[in-house]
Amino acid sequence: MIRLNKYLADQGICSRRSADVLISAGSVRINGKIITELGTKVDPENDTVTVDENTLQKRTAEMVYIMLHKPVGYVTSTKKTEVETKNFVDLLPENFQRVFPVGRLDKDSSGLLLLTNDGDLAFRLSHPKFEHEKEYEVEIFNPLTDEMIQKMQNGMYILGSKTKPARVKKMGRNIFSITLTEGKNRQIRRMVRALGSGVKNLKRIRIGKFKLLNTLESGKYQILTPEEVKKYFSE
């Protein structure tokens, strides 16, 4: 089951935002029933979907799950621009199925990036209400103090609001690991800047129960089976 707006977008009908407009306007039917509720899900294999009386051909897409070790310098946007020359899709075979990243990892950061065409999985891992942990290893320019650690653990004011408490563990003179359950824009970099320092290196090593493998070299990827993905959620 996937969200109806994503299904329409995957079919090339329109963007997800435009799909929501079509749904709200009553232009979309599932098995003959007009659907107006946003967030409705559809079974691509068994349901018949029509848009303005045009029936869409059923398409069964194999679910793809990928762990990518993103290097610094690559963006995670699915849209290429003339300015950005390196994109995560450049690290995948040209004939690979279309996948999208679960969440973002900024250009200057490295580490674990999950890629999939499974909208349900992406929603479960990225929506704030599920509070899945994301763990990072961070190297800063200044020595890490106990006061810095305490401020990050208690929450800090950035972007006009206070961050949720974080787990912080000192790993070296200016290196620490931090575990978050939220994802404000460039959150760790903004927190470190507010502490009077700057980030030298930032690497994501975990999303929920998905951990970056030590054997997975930078720029390389590993394909996970649906069974392996199910195991991550059942452990």
Protein backbone atom coordinates (compact mmCIF):
# COMPACT_ATOMS: atom_id res chain seq x y z
CA MET A 1 0.00 0.00 0.00
CA ILE A 2 1.29 3.45 -0.89
CA ARG A 3 -0.16 6.94 -0.60
CA LEU A 4 -2.39 7.87 -3.49
CA ASN A 5 -0.58 11.13 -4.24
CA LYS A 6 2.75 9.27 -4.49
CA TYR A 7 1.17 6.66 -6.76
CA LEU A 8 -0.08 9.36 -9.12
CA ALA A 9 3.33 11.04 -9.08
CA ASP A 10 5.09 7.74 -9.78
CA GLN A 11 2.77 7.19 -12.72
CA GLY A 12 3.93 10.49 -14.15
CA ILE A 13 0.49 12.08 -13.88
CA CYS A 14 1.61 15.08 -11.86
CA SER A 15 3.57 16.12 -8.81
CA ARG A 16 2.46 15.03 -5.33
CA ARG A 17 1.22 18.53 -4.56
CA SER A 18 -0.81 18.62 -7.77
CA ALA A 19 -2.10 15.13 -6.97
CA ASP A 20 -3.48 16.44 -3.68
CA VAL A 21 -5.35 19.11 -5.62
CA LEU A 22 -6.84 16.48 -7.95
CA ILE A 23 -7.87 14.33 -5.00
CA SER A 24 -9.48 17.23 -3.12
CA ALA A 25 -11.37 18.20 -6.27
CA GLY A 26 -12.90 14.71 -6.55
CA SER A 27 -11.11 13.91 -9.81
CA VAL A 28 -9.66 10.62 -8.60
CA ARG A 29 -11.46 7.31 -8.08
CA ILE A 30 -10.30 4.04 -6.55
CA ASN A 31 -12.31 1.04 -7.74
CA GLY A 32 -15.04 3.41 -8.92
CA LYS A 33 -15.31 5.35 -5.66
CA ILE A 34 -14.49 9.05 -5.62
CA ILE A 35 -11.66 9.77 -3.19
CA THR A 36 -11.32 13.19 -1.59
CA GLU A 37 -9.42 12.38 1.60
CA LEU A 38 -5.74 13.27 1.48
CA GLY A 39 -3.53 10.51 2.82
CA THR A 40 -5.64 7.75 1.26
CA LYS A 41 -3.59 4.68 0.36
CA VAL A 42 -3.85 2.50 -2.71
CA ASP A 43 -2.77 -1.03 -3.56
CA PRO A 44 -1.04 -0.66 -6.97
CA GLU A 45 -1.34 -4.37 -7.69
CA ASN A 46 -5.06 -4.81 -7.01
CA ASP A 47 -6.81 -1.44 -7.06
CA THR A 48 -8.06 0.32 -10.20
CA VAL A 49 -7.35 4.05 -10.19
CA THR A 50 -8.94 6.55 -12.55
CA VAL A 51 -8.15 10.23 -12.99
CA ASP A 52 -10.80 12.29 -14.77
CA GLU A 53 -12.33 9.04 -16.09
CA ASN A 54 -8.96 7.85 -17.45
CA THR A 55 -8.00 4.48 -16.01
CA LEU A 56 -4.35 4.14 -15.05
CA GLN A 57 -2.56 0.96 -15.99
CA LYS A 58 -1.71 -1.15 -12.96
CA ARG A 59 1.99 -1.24 -12.40
CA THR A 60 3.78 -3.47 -9.94
CA ALA A 61 7.03 -1.93 -8.79
CA GLU A 62 9.55 -4.07 -6.99
CA MET A 63 10.45 -2.55 -3.66
CA VAL A 64 14.07 -1.44 -3.54
CA TYR A 65 16.05 -0.73 -0.37
CA ILE A 66 19.60 0.61 -0.46
CA MET A 67 22.18 1.61 2.12
CA LEU A 68 24.51 4.21 0.60
CA HIS A 69 27.67 5.57 2.20
CA LYS A 70 27.39 9.14 0.93
CA PRO A 71 30.66 11.01 0.53
CA VAL A 72 31.11 14.70 1.25
CA GLY A 73 30.30 16.84 -1.78
CA TYR A 74 27.17 14.99 -2.97
CA VAL A 75 23.67 16.41 -2.63
CA THR A 76 20.63 14.27 -1.79
CA SER A 77 18.07 16.09 -3.91
CA THR A 78 16.29 14.05 -6.60
CA LYS A 79 16.31 17.12 -8.85
CA LYS A 80 19.50 17.96 -10.73
CA THR A 81 20.50 21.57 -11.22
CA GLU A 82 23.18 23.27 -13.27
CA VAL A 83 24.91 24.47 -10.10
CA GLU A 84 25.25 21.13 -8.35
CA THR A 85 27.46 18.71 -10.25
CA LYS A 86 27.40 15.76 -7.86
CA ASN A 87 24.22 13.95 -6.84
CA PHE A 88 23.67 10.71 -4.94
CA VAL A 89 22.17 9.18 -8.11
CA ASP A 90 25.62 9.47 -9.72
CA LEU A 91 26.78 6.74 -7.33
CA LEU A 92 24.16 4.26 -8.62
CA PRO A 93 24.04 2.33 -11.91
CA GLU A 94 22.39 4.29 -14.73
CA ASN A 95 19.73 1.63 -15.30
CA PHE A 96 18.76 1.44 -11.62
CA GLN A 97 15.14 1.89 -10.60
CA ARG A 98 14.11 5.35 -9.46
CA VAL A 99 14.63 5.69 -5.72
CA PHE A 100 14.52 8.63 -3.36
CA PRO A 101 16.39 9.37 -0.12
CA VAL A 102 14.76 8.88 3.28
CA GLY A 103 15.36 12.33 4.76
CA ARG A 104 18.28 14.54 3.84
CA LEU A 105 22.01 14.59 4.45
CA ASP A 106 23.57 17.92 3.51
CA LYS A 107 26.30 18.29 0.91
CA ASP A 108 29.06 18.85 3.45
CA SER A 109 28.16 15.75 5.51
CA SER A 110 28.88 12.08 4.89
CA GLY A 111 27.53 8.77 6.07
CA LEU A 112 24.41 6.67 5.95
CA LEU A 113 21.76 7.52 3.37
CA LEU A 114 18.80 5.18 2.94
CA LEU A 115 17.31 5.02 -0.55
CA THR A 116 14.04 3.37 -1.49
CA ASN A 117 10.89 3.53 -3.61
CA ASP A 118 8.82 2.35 -0.62
CA GLY A 119 6.80 5.37 0.47
CA ASP A 120 5.47 3.66 3.58
CA LEU A 121 8.97 2.87 4.86
CA ALA A 122 10.16 6.39 4.12
CA PHE A 123 7.19 7.83 6.00
CA ARG A 124 7.78 5.61 9.04
CA LEU A 125 11.46 6.50 9.22
CA SER A 126 11.26 10.22 8.51
CA HIS A 127 8.05 11.50 10.10
CA PRO A 128 8.73 13.24 13.44
CA LYS A 129 5.85 11.49 15.22
CA PHE A 130 7.73 8.16 15.12
CA GLU A 131 10.83 9.73 16.75
CA HIS A 132 13.31 7.37 15.10
CA GLU A 133 16.81 8.04 16.34
CA LYS A 134 19.54 9.35 14.08
CA GLU A 135 23.11 9.08 15.31
CA TYR A 136 26.06 11.15 14.11
CA GLU A 137 29.79 11.34 14.74
CA VAL A 138 30.93 14.96 14.89
CA GLU A 139 34.38 16.56 14.90
CA ILE A 140 34.52 20.24 15.85
CA PHE A 141 37.32 22.81 15.74
CA ASN A 142 37.38 23.68 19.44
CA PRO A 143 37.90 21.37 22.42
CA LEU A 144 34.62 19.84 23.64
CA THR A 145 33.72 20.93 27.17
CA ASP A 146 31.32 19.50 29.73
CA GLU A 147 29.26 22.67 29.43
CA MET A 148 28.86 22.13 25.67
CA ILE A 149 27.73 18.57 26.23
CA GLN A 150 25.21 19.58 28.88
CA LYS A 151 23.69 22.28 26.65
CA MET A 152 23.22 19.84 23.77
CA GLN A 153 21.77 17.23 26.09
CA ASN A 154 19.28 19.65 27.64
CA GLY A 155 18.21 21.26 24.37
CA MET A 156 19.23 24.54 22.74
CA TYR A 157 17.40 27.40 21.07
CA ILE A 158 17.99 27.47 17.31
CA LEU A 159 15.71 28.64 14.50
CA GLY A 160 13.37 30.19 17.06
CA SER A 161 12.63 27.03 19.04
CA LYS A 162 14.28 24.69 21.51
CA THR A 163 15.72 21.41 20.31
CA LYS A 164 14.68 18.18 21.95
CA PRO A 165 17.08 16.64 24.49
CA ALA A 166 19.89 14.71 22.78
CA ARG A 167 22.23 11.93 23.85
CA VAL A 168 25.82 13.08 23.62
CA LYS A 169 28.95 11.01 24.22
CA LYS A 170 32.47 12.41 24.20
CA MET A 171 34.79 10.34 21.99
CA GLY A 172 37.89 12.53 21.91
CA ARG A 173 39.24 15.99 22.63
CA ASN A 174 37.00 17.55 19.99
CA ILE A 175 34.96 14.55 18.80
CA PHE A 176 31.58 13.37 20.03
CA SER A 177 28.59 11.28 19.01
CA ILE A 178 25.11 12.75 19.18
CA THR A 179 21.76 10.99 18.86
CA LEU A 180 18.71 13.02 17.82
CA THR A 181 15.01 12.21 17.47
CA GLU A 182 14.28 15.23 15.28
CA GLY A 183 15.75 16.77 12.17
CA LYS A 184 15.78 20.55 12.05
CA ASN A 185 17.54 22.10 9.06
CA ARG A 186 21.31 21.70 9.55
CA GLN A 187 20.56 21.17 13.23
CA ILE A 188 23.91 19.89 14.47
CA ARG A 189 25.87 22.57 12.63
CA ARG A 190 23.62 25.28 14.07
CA MET A 191 23.95 23.83 17.58
CA VAL A 192 27.73 23.72 17.36
CA ARG A 193 27.82 27.27 16.00
CA ALA A 194 25.68 28.43 18.93
CA LEU A 195 28.26 26.84 21.24
CA GLY A 196 30.98 29.02 19.73
CA SER A 197 32.64 26.47 17.47
CA GLY A 198 32.24 24.98 14.01
CA VAL A 199 31.89 21.52 12.49
CA LYS A 200 34.98 20.07 10.86
CA ASN A 201 33.49 16.68 9.98
CA LEU A 202 29.97 15.32 10.34
CA LYS A 203 29.04 11.72 9.60
CA ARG A 204 25.70 9.97 10.07
CA ILE A 205 26.18 6.41 11.26
CA ARG A 206 22.64 5.29 12.11
CA ILE A 207 18.98 5.82 11.22
CA GLY A 208 16.72 3.93 13.61
CA LYS A 209 18.07 0.37 13.60
CA PHE A 210 19.84 0.80 10.27
CA LYS A 211 23.57 1.15 10.96
CA LEU A 212 26.31 2.13 8.54
CA LEU A 213 28.46 -0.93 8.00
CA ASN A 214 32.17 -0.58 8.68
CA THR A 215 32.79 -2.60 5.52
CA LEU A 216 30.77 -0.20 3.34
CA GLU A 217 33.31 2.16 1.80
CA SER A 218 32.57 5.78 1.01
CA GLY A 219 30.69 6.07 -2.29
CA LYS A 220 29.57 2.43 -2.21
CA TYR A 221 26.11 0.99 -1.62
CA GLN A 222 24.51 -2.23 -0.44
CA ILE A 223 21.10 -3.52 -1.52
CA LEU A 224 18.88 -4.84 1.28
CA THR A 225 16.19 -7.46 0.75
CA PRO A 226 12.61 -6.85 1.92
CA GLU A 227 13.19 -9.60 4.48
CA GLU A 228 16.21 -7.79 5.90
CA VAL A 229 14.24 -4.55 6.12
CA LYS A 230 11.38 -6.33 7.93
CA LYS A 231 13.94 -7.74 10.35
CA TYR A 232 15.13 -4.26 11.28
CA PHE A 233 11.63 -3.35 12.40
CA SER A 234 10.99 -6.60 14.26
CA GLU A 235 14.19 -6.71 16.31
